[in-house]
């Protein structure tokens, strides 16, 4: 479950009991312990930074299938033909997902393709499913007005998912175990604002 930020326990270090030491010995020992402690903290911080910044790919075949199947289930409801998975788009999307993980910021690439972005954070390791990101994008349907079609920033993910003229999709996923970025790229791009395009490409759902 994606949850609130993790709280780390406070660790209190206690010295050994029952030892008799002089003041100078104690000061020398305390200085050495401080130096050792400082070096240990620096090493651990370096290890944390290295681990936090290492992108891992989780968009395996199972994830890709869920991602594609969820798209096509929603598209079918909106009378849009199914998408096919493009390896070229997957490669491009994966490269951008790794970049987003490295900067910890959601921002679009300069691709000429359509692009949906998804971000999640968990206090513990959790494997995201391919369905979750697509469900999140599609949930914007609640704010889309089919009687007044067009682009809006709060419905653009939904309209790209069901955009009728898009035929291919690619997906990339990068995570450090807690922060997860998912990138979906589409060809041809959706959300084209030419006159009549939304009426043609974003159709109401049918049962």
N, C-alpha and C. Protein backbone atom coordinates (compact mmCIF):
# COMPACT_ATOMS: atom_id res chain seq x y z
N UNK A 1 0.85 -1.19 0.00
CA UNK A 1 0.00 0.00 0.00
C UNK A 1 0.88 1.24 0.00
N UNK A 2 0.56 2.19 -0.87
CA UNK A 2 1.27 3.45 -0.84
C UNK A 2 0.84 4.17 0.43
N UNK A 3 1.80 4.68 1.18
CA UNK A 3 1.49 5.17 2.52
C UNK A 3 2.22 6.47 2.80
N UNK A 4 2.07 6.95 4.07
CA UNK A 4 2.69 8.19 4.49
C UNK A 4 4.20 8.00 4.61
N UNK A 5 4.95 9.12 4.63
CA UNK A 5 6.40 9.00 4.71
C UNK A 5 6.87 8.15 5.88
N UNK A 6 7.94 7.42 5.64
CA UNK A 6 8.49 6.53 6.65
C UNK A 6 9.18 7.34 7.74
N UNK A 7 9.00 6.94 8.99
CA UNK A 7 9.67 7.56 10.12
C UNK A 7 10.77 6.63 10.58
N UNK A 8 11.99 7.12 10.58
CA UNK A 8 13.12 6.29 10.99
C UNK A 8 13.29 6.36 12.50
N UNK A 9 13.63 5.24 13.14
CA UNK A 9 13.81 5.24 14.60
C UNK A 9 15.06 6.00 15.00
N UNK A 10 14.99 6.62 16.16
CA UNK A 10 16.17 7.28 16.72
C UNK A 10 17.04 6.23 17.40
N UNK A 11 18.29 6.18 17.01
CA UNK A 11 19.21 5.21 17.60
C UNK A 11 20.11 5.93 18.59
N UNK A 12 20.11 5.46 19.83
CA UNK A 12 20.97 6.03 20.87
C UNK A 12 22.09 5.05 21.15
N UNK A 13 23.33 5.50 21.02
CA UNK A 13 24.48 4.63 21.27
C UNK A 13 24.94 4.82 22.71
N UNK A 14 25.09 3.72 23.43
CA UNK A 14 25.55 3.75 24.81
C UNK A 14 26.95 3.16 24.88
N UNK A 15 27.81 3.79 25.69
CA UNK A 15 29.17 3.28 25.84
C UNK A 15 29.20 2.07 26.73
N UNK A 16 30.35 1.36 26.77
CA UNK A 16 30.49 0.17 27.61
C UNK A 16 30.43 0.53 29.08
N UNK A 17 29.91 -0.39 29.88
CA UNK A 17 29.78 -0.17 31.32
C UNK A 17 30.92 -0.87 32.05
N UNK A 18 31.24 -0.37 33.28
CA UNK A 18 32.16 -1.08 34.16
C UNK A 18 33.62 -0.85 33.85
N UNK A 19 33.95 0.13 32.98
CA UNK A 19 35.34 0.39 32.67
C UNK A 19 35.81 1.59 33.47
N UNK A 20 37.06 1.55 33.91
CA UNK A 20 37.65 2.67 34.62
C UNK A 20 38.69 3.30 33.70
N UNK A 21 38.48 4.55 33.32
CA UNK A 21 39.41 5.22 32.43
C UNK A 21 39.71 6.60 32.97
N UNK A 22 40.90 7.13 32.65
CA UNK A 22 41.28 8.47 33.07
C UNK A 22 40.59 9.49 32.18
N UNK A 23 40.63 10.75 32.63
CA UNK A 23 40.00 11.80 31.84
C UNK A 23 40.62 11.91 30.46
N UNK A 24 41.96 11.85 30.38
CA UNK A 24 42.61 11.99 29.07
C UNK A 24 42.29 10.80 28.19
N UNK A 25 42.26 9.60 28.83
CA UNK A 25 41.91 8.41 28.05
C UNK A 25 40.47 8.52 27.54
N UNK A 26 39.59 9.02 28.41
CA UNK A 26 38.20 9.15 28.01
C UNK A 26 38.06 10.13 26.85
N UNK A 27 38.78 11.28 26.98
CA UNK A 27 38.70 12.27 25.90
C UNK A 27 39.25 11.72 24.59
N UNK A 28 40.37 10.96 24.70
CA UNK A 28 40.95 10.36 23.50
C UNK A 28 40.00 9.35 22.88
N UNK A 29 39.38 8.52 23.74
CA UNK A 29 38.45 7.52 23.23
C UNK A 29 37.24 8.19 22.61
N UNK A 30 36.73 9.24 23.28
CA UNK A 30 35.57 9.93 22.74
C UNK A 30 35.88 10.57 21.39
N UNK A 31 37.13 11.13 21.28
CA UNK A 31 37.51 11.73 20.00
C UNK A 31 37.56 10.68 18.90
N UNK A 32 38.17 9.52 19.23
CA UNK A 32 38.27 8.45 18.23
C UNK A 32 36.88 7.94 17.85
N UNK A 33 36.00 7.83 18.86
CA UNK A 33 34.64 7.37 18.57
C UNK A 33 33.89 8.37 17.69
N UNK A 34 34.12 9.68 17.95
CA UNK A 34 33.47 10.69 17.12
C UNK A 34 33.95 10.61 15.69
N UNK A 35 35.28 10.40 15.53
CA UNK A 35 35.84 10.29 14.18
C UNK A 35 35.31 9.05 13.47
N UNK A 36 35.26 7.93 14.24
CA UNK A 36 34.73 6.69 13.65
C UNK A 36 33.26 6.85 13.29
N UNK A 37 32.51 7.48 14.22
CA UNK A 37 31.09 7.73 13.98
C UNK A 37 30.88 8.59 12.74
N UNK A 38 31.69 9.66 12.62
CA UNK A 38 31.55 10.56 11.49
C UNK A 38 31.84 9.85 10.18
N UNK A 39 32.90 9.04 10.17
CA UNK A 39 33.24 8.29 8.95
C UNK A 39 32.15 7.29 8.61
N UNK A 40 31.61 6.63 9.67
CA UNK A 40 30.55 5.65 9.45
C UNK A 40 29.31 6.30 8.87
N UNK A 41 28.94 7.49 9.42
CA UNK A 41 27.77 8.19 8.91
C UNK A 41 27.97 8.62 7.47
N UNK A 42 29.18 9.09 7.15
CA UNK A 42 29.47 9.51 5.78
C UNK A 42 29.37 8.34 4.82
N UNK A 43 29.90 7.18 5.24
CA UNK A 43 29.82 6.00 4.38
C UNK A 43 28.38 5.57 4.16
N UNK A 44 27.59 5.58 5.26
CA UNK A 44 26.20 5.17 5.15
C UNK A 44 25.41 6.14 4.27
N UNK A 45 25.70 7.45 4.43
CA UNK A 45 25.01 8.44 3.60
C UNK A 45 25.34 8.23 2.14
N UNK A 46 26.62 7.93 1.87
CA UNK A 46 27.03 7.67 0.49
C UNK A 46 26.32 6.45 -0.06
N UNK A 47 26.20 5.40 0.77
CA UNK A 47 25.51 4.18 0.33
C UNK A 47 24.05 4.47 0.06
N UNK A 48 23.41 5.29 0.92
CA UNK A 48 22.00 5.61 0.72
C UNK A 48 21.80 6.39 -0.57
N UNK A 49 22.72 7.37 -0.82
CA UNK A 49 22.59 8.14 -2.05
C UNK A 49 22.75 7.26 -3.26
N UNK A 50 23.70 6.33 -3.19
CA UNK A 50 23.95 5.44 -4.32
C UNK A 50 22.74 4.55 -4.57
N UNK A 51 22.17 4.02 -3.47
CA UNK A 51 21.02 3.14 -3.62
C UNK A 51 19.80 3.91 -4.11
N UNK A 52 19.59 5.13 -3.55
CA UNK A 52 18.41 5.92 -3.89
C UNK A 52 18.45 6.35 -5.35
N UNK A 53 19.65 6.56 -5.89
CA UNK A 53 19.76 7.04 -7.25
C UNK A 53 19.85 5.95 -8.29
N UNK A 54 19.88 4.69 -7.89
CA UNK A 54 20.03 3.60 -8.85
C UNK A 54 18.68 3.22 -9.44
N UNK A 55 18.50 3.45 -10.72
CA UNK A 55 17.24 3.11 -11.38
C UNK A 55 17.17 1.62 -11.65
N UNK A 56 16.04 1.03 -11.32
CA UNK A 56 15.82 -0.38 -11.60
C UNK A 56 14.63 -0.50 -12.54
N UNK A 57 14.73 -1.38 -13.50
CA UNK A 57 13.65 -1.57 -14.45
C UNK A 57 12.70 -2.64 -13.93
N UNK A 58 11.42 -2.30 -13.85
CA UNK A 58 10.42 -3.27 -13.41
C UNK A 58 9.37 -3.49 -14.50
N UNK A 59 9.54 -2.81 -15.63
CA UNK A 59 8.56 -2.98 -16.70
C UNK A 59 8.85 -4.28 -17.44
N UNK A 60 8.63 -5.38 -16.75
CA UNK A 60 8.87 -6.69 -17.35
C UNK A 60 7.68 -7.07 -18.22
N UNK A 61 7.71 -8.28 -18.76
CA UNK A 61 6.65 -8.71 -19.68
C UNK A 61 5.27 -8.68 -19.02
N UNK A 62 5.21 -9.06 -17.75
CA UNK A 62 3.93 -9.07 -17.03
C UNK A 62 3.40 -7.65 -16.87
N UNK A 63 4.28 -6.72 -16.49
CA UNK A 63 3.88 -5.32 -16.32
C UNK A 63 3.40 -4.75 -17.65
N UNK A 64 4.15 -5.00 -18.71
CA UNK A 64 3.78 -4.49 -20.03
C UNK A 64 2.42 -5.03 -20.47
N UNK A 65 2.18 -6.31 -20.21
CA UNK A 65 0.91 -6.92 -20.62
C UNK A 65 -0.26 -6.28 -19.87
N UNK A 66 -0.11 -6.09 -18.56
CA UNK A 66 -1.17 -5.44 -17.78
C UNK A 66 -1.40 -4.02 -18.28
N UNK A 67 -0.31 -3.32 -18.55
CA UNK A 67 -0.38 -1.94 -19.02
C UNK A 67 -1.14 -1.87 -20.35
N UNK A 68 -0.78 -2.76 -21.27
CA UNK A 68 -1.42 -2.77 -22.59
C UNK A 68 -2.87 -3.24 -22.50
N UNK A 69 -3.11 -4.32 -21.76
CA UNK A 69 -4.46 -4.86 -21.66
C UNK A 69 -5.42 -3.86 -21.02
N UNK A 70 -4.95 -3.13 -20.02
CA UNK A 70 -5.81 -2.15 -19.35
C UNK A 70 -6.14 -1.01 -20.31
N UNK A 71 -5.15 -0.55 -21.06
CA UNK A 71 -5.44 0.45 -22.09
C UNK A 71 -6.53 -0.04 -23.04
N UNK A 72 -6.35 -1.24 -23.55
CA UNK A 72 -7.25 -1.73 -24.60
C UNK A 72 -8.65 -2.03 -24.07
N UNK A 73 -8.75 -2.40 -22.79
CA UNK A 73 -10.08 -2.60 -22.20
C UNK A 73 -10.83 -1.27 -22.15
N UNK A 74 -10.13 -0.21 -21.73
CA UNK A 74 -10.76 1.11 -21.70
C UNK A 74 -11.06 1.62 -23.11
N UNK A 75 -10.13 1.41 -24.02
CA UNK A 75 -10.33 1.89 -25.39
C UNK A 75 -11.54 1.21 -26.04
N UNK A 76 -11.72 -0.05 -25.76
CA UNK A 76 -12.87 -0.77 -26.32
C UNK A 76 -14.18 -0.12 -25.88
N UNK A 77 -14.23 0.32 -24.61
CA UNK A 77 -15.43 0.99 -24.10
C UNK A 77 -15.72 2.28 -24.86
N UNK A 78 -14.66 2.89 -25.40
CA UNK A 78 -14.81 4.18 -26.08
C UNK A 78 -14.70 4.04 -27.60
N UNK A 79 -14.92 2.82 -28.09
CA UNK A 79 -14.95 2.54 -29.53
C UNK A 79 -13.64 2.92 -30.23
N UNK A 80 -12.53 2.75 -29.52
CA UNK A 80 -11.21 3.00 -30.10
C UNK A 80 -10.52 1.66 -30.35
N UNK A 81 -9.80 1.50 -31.44
CA UNK A 81 -9.13 0.23 -31.73
C UNK A 81 -8.01 -0.04 -30.74
N UNK A 82 -7.62 -1.30 -30.57
CA UNK A 82 -6.58 -1.63 -29.60
C UNK A 82 -5.21 -1.09 -30.01
N UNK A 83 -4.42 -0.78 -29.01
CA UNK A 83 -3.03 -0.38 -29.22
C UNK A 83 -2.15 -1.62 -29.34
N UNK A 84 -1.01 -1.47 -29.98
CA UNK A 84 0.02 -2.51 -29.97
C UNK A 84 1.24 -1.95 -29.25
N UNK A 85 2.04 -2.84 -28.65
CA UNK A 85 3.23 -2.41 -27.92
C UNK A 85 4.39 -2.20 -28.89
N UNK A 86 5.00 -1.03 -28.81
CA UNK A 86 6.13 -0.68 -29.67
C UNK A 86 7.42 -0.74 -28.87
N UNK A 87 8.41 -1.53 -29.34
CA UNK A 87 9.68 -1.62 -28.64
C UNK A 87 10.44 -0.29 -28.70
N UNK A 88 10.32 0.42 -29.83
CA UNK A 88 10.99 1.72 -29.93
C UNK A 88 10.42 2.70 -28.91
N UNK A 89 9.09 2.72 -28.78
CA UNK A 89 8.48 3.60 -27.79
C UNK A 89 8.83 3.17 -26.37
N UNK A 90 8.92 1.86 -26.13
CA UNK A 90 9.31 1.38 -24.81
C UNK A 90 10.72 1.84 -24.46
N UNK A 91 11.62 1.78 -25.42
CA UNK A 91 13.00 2.22 -25.18
C UNK A 91 13.06 3.70 -24.85
N UNK A 92 12.32 4.50 -25.58
CA UNK A 92 12.27 5.94 -25.34
C UNK A 92 11.63 6.25 -23.99
N UNK A 93 10.53 5.56 -23.68
CA UNK A 93 9.83 5.79 -22.41
C UNK A 93 10.68 5.36 -21.23
N UNK A 94 11.41 4.25 -21.37
CA UNK A 94 12.26 3.78 -20.28
C UNK A 94 13.39 4.76 -19.99
N UNK A 95 14.00 5.29 -21.05
CA UNK A 95 15.08 6.27 -20.86
C UNK A 95 14.57 7.50 -20.11
N UNK A 96 13.35 7.94 -20.44
CA UNK A 96 12.81 9.12 -19.76
C UNK A 96 12.41 8.80 -18.33
N UNK A 97 11.89 7.61 -18.08
CA UNK A 97 11.55 7.22 -16.71
C UNK A 97 12.80 7.24 -15.82
N UNK A 98 13.91 6.73 -16.33
CA UNK A 98 15.16 6.74 -15.56
C UNK A 98 15.61 8.18 -15.29
N UNK A 99 15.44 9.05 -16.27
CA UNK A 99 15.80 10.45 -16.08
C UNK A 99 14.94 11.08 -14.99
N UNK A 100 13.64 10.83 -15.02
CA UNK A 100 12.75 11.39 -14.01
C UNK A 100 13.12 10.91 -12.62
N UNK A 101 13.50 9.63 -12.50
CA UNK A 101 13.92 9.12 -11.20
C UNK A 101 15.18 9.83 -10.73
N UNK A 102 16.08 10.15 -11.63
CA UNK A 102 17.33 10.80 -11.25
C UNK A 102 17.12 12.23 -10.77
N UNK A 103 16.07 12.90 -11.26
CA UNK A 103 15.81 14.29 -10.85
C UNK A 103 14.65 14.40 -9.88
N UNK A 104 13.93 13.28 -9.65
CA UNK A 104 12.79 13.24 -8.71
C UNK A 104 11.77 14.34 -9.00
N UNK A 105 11.48 14.53 -10.28
CA UNK A 105 10.53 15.57 -10.69
C UNK A 105 9.73 15.07 -11.89
N UNK A 106 8.44 15.40 -11.90
CA UNK A 106 7.61 15.08 -13.06
C UNK A 106 7.74 16.19 -14.10
N UNK A 107 8.25 15.86 -15.25
CA UNK A 107 8.26 16.81 -16.36
C UNK A 107 8.26 16.05 -17.67
N UNK A 108 7.64 16.62 -18.68
CA UNK A 108 7.53 15.94 -19.96
C UNK A 108 8.83 16.03 -20.74
N UNK A 109 9.06 15.01 -21.56
CA UNK A 109 10.21 15.01 -22.46
C UNK A 109 9.88 15.87 -23.68
N UNK A 110 10.83 15.97 -24.59
CA UNK A 110 10.59 16.75 -25.81
C UNK A 110 10.16 15.85 -26.97
N UNK A 111 9.61 14.67 -26.65
CA UNK A 111 9.17 13.74 -27.69
C UNK A 111 8.06 14.33 -28.54
N UNK A 112 8.02 13.92 -29.80
CA UNK A 112 6.91 14.31 -30.68
C UNK A 112 5.71 13.40 -30.47
N UNK A 113 5.90 12.34 -29.68
CA UNK A 113 4.82 11.40 -29.40
C UNK A 113 3.95 11.90 -28.25
N UNK A 114 2.79 11.28 -28.08
CA UNK A 114 1.99 11.57 -26.90
C UNK A 114 2.69 11.00 -25.67
N UNK A 115 2.43 11.57 -24.50
CA UNK A 115 3.14 11.12 -23.30
C UNK A 115 2.28 11.30 -22.05
N UNK A 116 2.13 10.23 -21.28
CA UNK A 116 1.49 10.27 -19.98
C UNK A 116 2.53 9.92 -18.92
N UNK A 117 2.49 10.62 -17.79
CA UNK A 117 3.43 10.39 -16.70
C UNK A 117 2.68 10.00 -15.43
N UNK A 118 3.32 9.14 -14.64
CA UNK A 118 2.73 8.70 -13.38
C UNK A 118 3.83 8.62 -12.34
N UNK A 119 3.51 9.05 -11.12
CA UNK A 119 4.47 9.04 -10.01
C UNK A 119 3.79 8.47 -8.77
N UNK A 120 4.53 7.68 -8.03
CA UNK A 120 4.02 7.17 -6.75
C UNK A 120 5.17 7.02 -5.78
N UNK A 121 4.86 7.08 -4.49
CA UNK A 121 5.87 6.90 -3.45
C UNK A 121 5.31 5.98 -2.38
N UNK A 122 6.14 5.09 -1.89
CA UNK A 122 5.74 4.17 -0.83
C UNK A 122 6.79 4.16 0.26
N UNK A 123 6.37 3.97 1.50
CA UNK A 123 7.33 3.91 2.60
C UNK A 123 8.10 2.60 2.62
N UNK A 124 7.69 1.64 1.85
CA UNK A 124 8.40 0.36 1.78
C UNK A 124 8.34 -0.17 0.37
N UNK A 125 9.18 -1.13 0.05
CA UNK A 125 9.19 -1.69 -1.31
C UNK A 125 7.82 -2.23 -1.71
N UNK A 126 7.39 -1.88 -2.90
CA UNK A 126 6.12 -2.36 -3.42
C UNK A 126 6.22 -2.44 -4.93
N UNK A 127 5.83 -3.55 -5.50
CA UNK A 127 5.87 -3.70 -6.94
C UNK A 127 4.58 -3.16 -7.53
N UNK A 128 4.69 -2.11 -8.31
CA UNK A 128 3.54 -1.50 -8.97
C UNK A 128 3.07 -2.41 -10.10
N UNK A 129 1.77 -2.49 -10.30
CA UNK A 129 1.24 -3.27 -11.42
C UNK A 129 1.04 -2.37 -12.63
N UNK A 130 1.01 -2.99 -13.80
CA UNK A 130 0.79 -2.22 -15.01
C UNK A 130 -0.58 -1.58 -15.09
N UNK A 131 -1.52 -2.10 -14.30
CA UNK A 131 -2.89 -1.59 -14.32
C UNK A 131 -3.04 -0.29 -13.54
N UNK A 132 -2.25 -0.12 -12.49
CA UNK A 132 -2.46 1.01 -11.57
C UNK A 132 -2.26 2.37 -12.24
N UNK A 133 -1.20 2.50 -13.02
CA UNK A 133 -0.95 3.79 -13.67
C UNK A 133 -2.06 4.12 -14.66
N UNK A 134 -2.47 3.13 -15.45
CA UNK A 134 -3.51 3.37 -16.46
C UNK A 134 -4.84 3.69 -15.79
N UNK A 135 -5.17 2.99 -14.70
CA UNK A 135 -6.40 3.30 -13.96
C UNK A 135 -6.39 4.74 -13.47
N UNK A 136 -5.23 5.19 -12.99
CA UNK A 136 -5.12 6.56 -12.49
C UNK A 136 -5.36 7.56 -13.61
N UNK A 137 -4.77 7.31 -14.77
CA UNK A 137 -4.98 8.22 -15.91
C UNK A 137 -6.44 8.22 -16.35
N UNK A 138 -7.02 7.04 -16.44
CA UNK A 138 -8.40 6.93 -16.93
C UNK A 138 -9.39 7.57 -15.96
N UNK A 139 -9.05 7.62 -14.68
CA UNK A 139 -9.98 8.16 -13.68
C UNK A 139 -10.34 9.62 -13.94
N UNK A 140 -9.56 10.30 -14.77
CA UNK A 140 -9.86 11.69 -15.10
C UNK A 140 -11.14 11.83 -15.93
N UNK A 141 -11.70 10.72 -16.38
CA UNK A 141 -12.95 10.78 -17.14
C UNK A 141 -14.04 11.51 -16.37
N UNK A 142 -13.99 11.46 -15.07
CA UNK A 142 -15.03 12.09 -14.25
C UNK A 142 -15.09 13.60 -14.47
N UNK A 143 -13.99 14.19 -14.95
CA UNK A 143 -13.94 15.64 -15.17
C UNK A 143 -14.06 16.03 -16.64
N UNK A 144 -14.24 15.04 -17.51
CA UNK A 144 -14.30 15.34 -18.94
C UNK A 144 -15.75 15.56 -19.37
N UNK A 145 -15.98 16.61 -20.14
CA UNK A 145 -17.34 16.95 -20.58
C UNK A 145 -17.47 16.61 -22.07
N UNK A 146 -18.12 15.50 -22.35
CA UNK A 146 -18.29 15.08 -23.74
C UNK A 146 -19.17 16.06 -24.52
N UNK A 147 -19.99 16.83 -23.81
CA UNK A 147 -20.84 17.82 -24.47
C UNK A 147 -20.05 19.07 -24.85
N UNK A 148 -18.85 19.21 -24.29
CA UNK A 148 -17.98 20.35 -24.61
C UNK A 148 -16.56 19.83 -24.77
N UNK A 149 -16.30 19.04 -25.81
CA UNK A 149 -15.02 18.33 -25.94
C UNK A 149 -13.85 19.27 -26.19
N UNK A 150 -12.68 18.83 -25.73
CA UNK A 150 -11.47 19.62 -25.93
C UNK A 150 -10.43 19.25 -24.90
N UNK A 151 -9.26 19.86 -25.02
CA UNK A 151 -8.17 19.55 -24.10
C UNK A 151 -8.28 20.36 -22.82
N UNK A 152 -7.96 19.70 -21.70
CA UNK A 152 -7.82 20.37 -20.41
C UNK A 152 -6.73 19.64 -19.65
N UNK A 153 -5.98 20.38 -18.85
CA UNK A 153 -4.84 19.78 -18.15
C UNK A 153 -5.27 18.70 -17.16
N UNK A 154 -6.50 18.78 -16.65
CA UNK A 154 -6.94 17.79 -15.67
C UNK A 154 -7.62 16.58 -16.30
N UNK A 155 -7.67 16.53 -17.63
CA UNK A 155 -8.25 15.36 -18.30
C UNK A 155 -7.37 14.83 -19.44
N UNK A 156 -6.20 15.43 -19.61
CA UNK A 156 -5.34 15.07 -20.73
C UNK A 156 -4.81 13.66 -20.71
N UNK A 157 -4.61 13.09 -19.51
CA UNK A 157 -4.17 11.69 -19.43
C UNK A 157 -5.27 10.76 -19.95
N UNK A 158 -6.50 11.02 -19.50
CA UNK A 158 -7.64 10.21 -19.94
C UNK A 158 -7.81 10.27 -21.45
N UNK A 159 -7.79 11.48 -22.01
CA UNK A 159 -8.05 11.61 -23.44
C UNK A 159 -6.96 10.94 -24.27
N UNK A 160 -5.72 10.93 -23.77
CA UNK A 160 -4.67 10.22 -24.50
C UNK A 160 -4.88 8.71 -24.44
N UNK A 161 -5.29 8.19 -23.30
CA UNK A 161 -5.52 6.75 -23.16
C UNK A 161 -6.51 6.25 -24.20
N UNK A 162 -7.59 7.00 -24.43
CA UNK A 162 -8.66 6.52 -25.32
C UNK A 162 -8.60 7.16 -26.72
N UNK A 163 -7.58 7.94 -27.00
CA UNK A 163 -7.49 8.66 -28.28
C UNK A 163 -7.54 7.67 -29.44
N UNK A 164 -8.54 7.80 -30.27
CA UNK A 164 -8.85 6.79 -31.28
C UNK A 164 -7.75 6.62 -32.33
N UNK A 165 -7.11 7.70 -32.72
CA UNK A 165 -6.11 7.63 -33.79
C UNK A 165 -4.74 7.13 -33.32
N UNK A 166 -4.51 7.03 -32.02
CA UNK A 166 -3.25 6.44 -31.54
C UNK A 166 -3.28 4.94 -31.80
N UNK A 167 -2.17 4.40 -32.28
CA UNK A 167 -2.13 2.97 -32.62
C UNK A 167 -1.07 2.19 -31.86
N UNK A 168 -0.05 2.89 -31.33
CA UNK A 168 1.04 2.21 -30.63
C UNK A 168 1.30 2.86 -29.28
N UNK A 169 1.81 2.06 -28.35
CA UNK A 169 2.16 2.57 -27.03
C UNK A 169 3.46 1.92 -26.58
N UNK A 170 4.21 2.64 -25.76
CA UNK A 170 5.39 2.09 -25.12
C UNK A 170 5.39 2.50 -23.67
N UNK A 171 6.02 1.71 -22.81
CA UNK A 171 6.01 2.02 -21.39
C UNK A 171 7.41 1.88 -20.81
N UNK A 172 7.74 2.78 -19.90
CA UNK A 172 8.98 2.71 -19.15
C UNK A 172 8.69 2.87 -17.68
N UNK A 173 9.46 2.21 -16.84
CA UNK A 173 9.27 2.29 -15.40
C UNK A 173 10.62 2.30 -14.72
N UNK A 174 10.81 3.22 -13.79
CA UNK A 174 12.05 3.28 -13.02
C UNK A 174 11.72 3.50 -11.56
N UNK A 175 12.41 2.79 -10.69
CA UNK A 175 12.16 2.90 -9.25
C UNK A 175 13.43 2.65 -8.47
N UNK A 176 13.51 3.26 -7.29
CA UNK A 176 14.60 2.96 -6.38
C UNK A 176 14.11 2.09 -5.23
N UNK A 177 12.91 1.57 -5.35
CA UNK A 177 12.32 0.74 -4.31
C UNK A 177 11.22 1.45 -3.54
N UNK A 178 11.22 2.78 -3.58
CA UNK A 178 10.18 3.56 -2.92
C UNK A 178 9.53 4.55 -3.88
N UNK A 179 10.33 5.33 -4.58
CA UNK A 179 9.82 6.26 -5.58
C UNK A 179 9.69 5.54 -6.92
N UNK A 180 8.55 5.71 -7.57
CA UNK A 180 8.29 5.04 -8.85
C UNK A 180 7.81 6.05 -9.88
N UNK A 181 8.41 6.00 -11.05
CA UNK A 181 7.96 6.81 -12.19
C UNK A 181 7.58 5.88 -13.33
N UNK A 182 6.41 6.12 -13.92
CA UNK A 182 5.96 5.37 -15.09
C UNK A 182 5.75 6.37 -16.22
N UNK A 183 6.26 6.03 -17.39
CA UNK A 183 6.10 6.87 -18.58
C UNK A 183 5.40 6.06 -19.66
N UNK A 184 4.31 6.58 -20.18
CA UNK A 184 3.65 5.98 -21.34
C UNK A 184 3.81 6.91 -22.53
N UNK A 185 4.25 6.37 -23.67
CA UNK A 185 4.38 7.18 -24.88
C UNK A 185 3.53 6.58 -25.99
N UNK A 186 2.92 7.44 -26.80
CA UNK A 186 1.89 7.02 -27.76
C UNK A 186 2.19 7.58 -29.15
N UNK A 187 1.92 6.77 -30.15
CA UNK A 187 2.06 7.19 -31.54
C UNK A 187 0.88 6.66 -32.37
N UNK A 188 0.33 7.52 -33.23
CA UNK A 188 0.52 8.97 -33.28
C UNK A 188 0.03 9.63 -31.97
N UNK A 189 0.54 10.80 -31.70
CA UNK A 189 0.19 11.49 -30.46
C UNK A 189 -1.29 11.85 -30.42
N UNK A 190 -1.85 11.77 -29.22
CA UNK A 190 -3.21 12.23 -29.00
C UNK A 190 -3.24 13.68 -28.56
N UNK A 191 -4.42 14.12 -28.14
CA UNK A 191 -4.62 15.48 -27.63
C UNK A 191 -4.25 16.55 -28.67
N UNK A 192 -4.52 16.26 -29.92
CA UNK A 192 -4.30 17.24 -30.99
C UNK A 192 -5.48 18.21 -31.00
N UNK A 193 -5.18 19.49 -30.95
CA UNK A 193 -6.22 20.49 -30.75
C UNK A 193 -6.80 21.06 -32.04
N UNK A 194 -6.58 20.39 -33.15
CA UNK A 194 -7.21 20.83 -34.40
C UNK A 194 -8.74 20.74 -34.27
N UNK A 195 -9.41 21.55 -35.03
CA UNK A 195 -10.88 21.59 -34.95
C UNK A 195 -11.47 20.22 -35.26
N UNK A 196 -12.35 19.77 -34.39
CA UNK A 196 -13.06 18.52 -34.59
C UNK A 196 -12.32 17.27 -34.15
N UNK A 197 -11.05 17.40 -33.73
CA UNK A 197 -10.26 16.21 -33.38
C UNK A 197 -10.75 15.52 -32.11
N UNK A 198 -11.15 16.28 -31.11
CA UNK A 198 -11.62 15.65 -29.88
C UNK A 198 -12.96 14.96 -30.10
N UNK A 199 -13.82 15.56 -30.90
CA UNK A 199 -15.11 14.92 -31.20
C UNK A 199 -14.90 13.59 -31.91
N UNK A 200 -13.89 13.52 -32.74
CA UNK A 200 -13.61 12.31 -33.52
C UNK A 200 -12.88 11.25 -32.69
N UNK A 201 -12.02 11.67 -31.78
CA UNK A 201 -11.10 10.73 -31.12
C UNK A 201 -11.45 10.37 -29.68
N UNK A 202 -12.26 11.16 -29.02
CA UNK A 202 -12.63 10.87 -27.63
C UNK A 202 -14.14 10.69 -27.59
N UNK A 203 -14.56 9.44 -27.71
CA UNK A 203 -15.99 9.13 -27.79
C UNK A 203 -16.52 8.69 -26.43
N UNK A 204 -17.79 8.94 -26.16
CA UNK A 204 -18.38 8.50 -24.89
C UNK A 204 -18.32 6.97 -24.76
N UNK A 205 -18.26 6.52 -23.52
CA UNK A 205 -18.21 5.08 -23.26
C UNK A 205 -19.55 4.44 -23.61
N UNK A 206 -19.48 3.22 -24.11
CA UNK A 206 -20.68 2.44 -24.39
C UNK A 206 -20.61 1.15 -23.59
N UNK A 207 -21.74 0.64 -23.18
CA UNK A 207 -21.78 -0.61 -22.41
C UNK A 207 -21.64 -1.81 -23.34
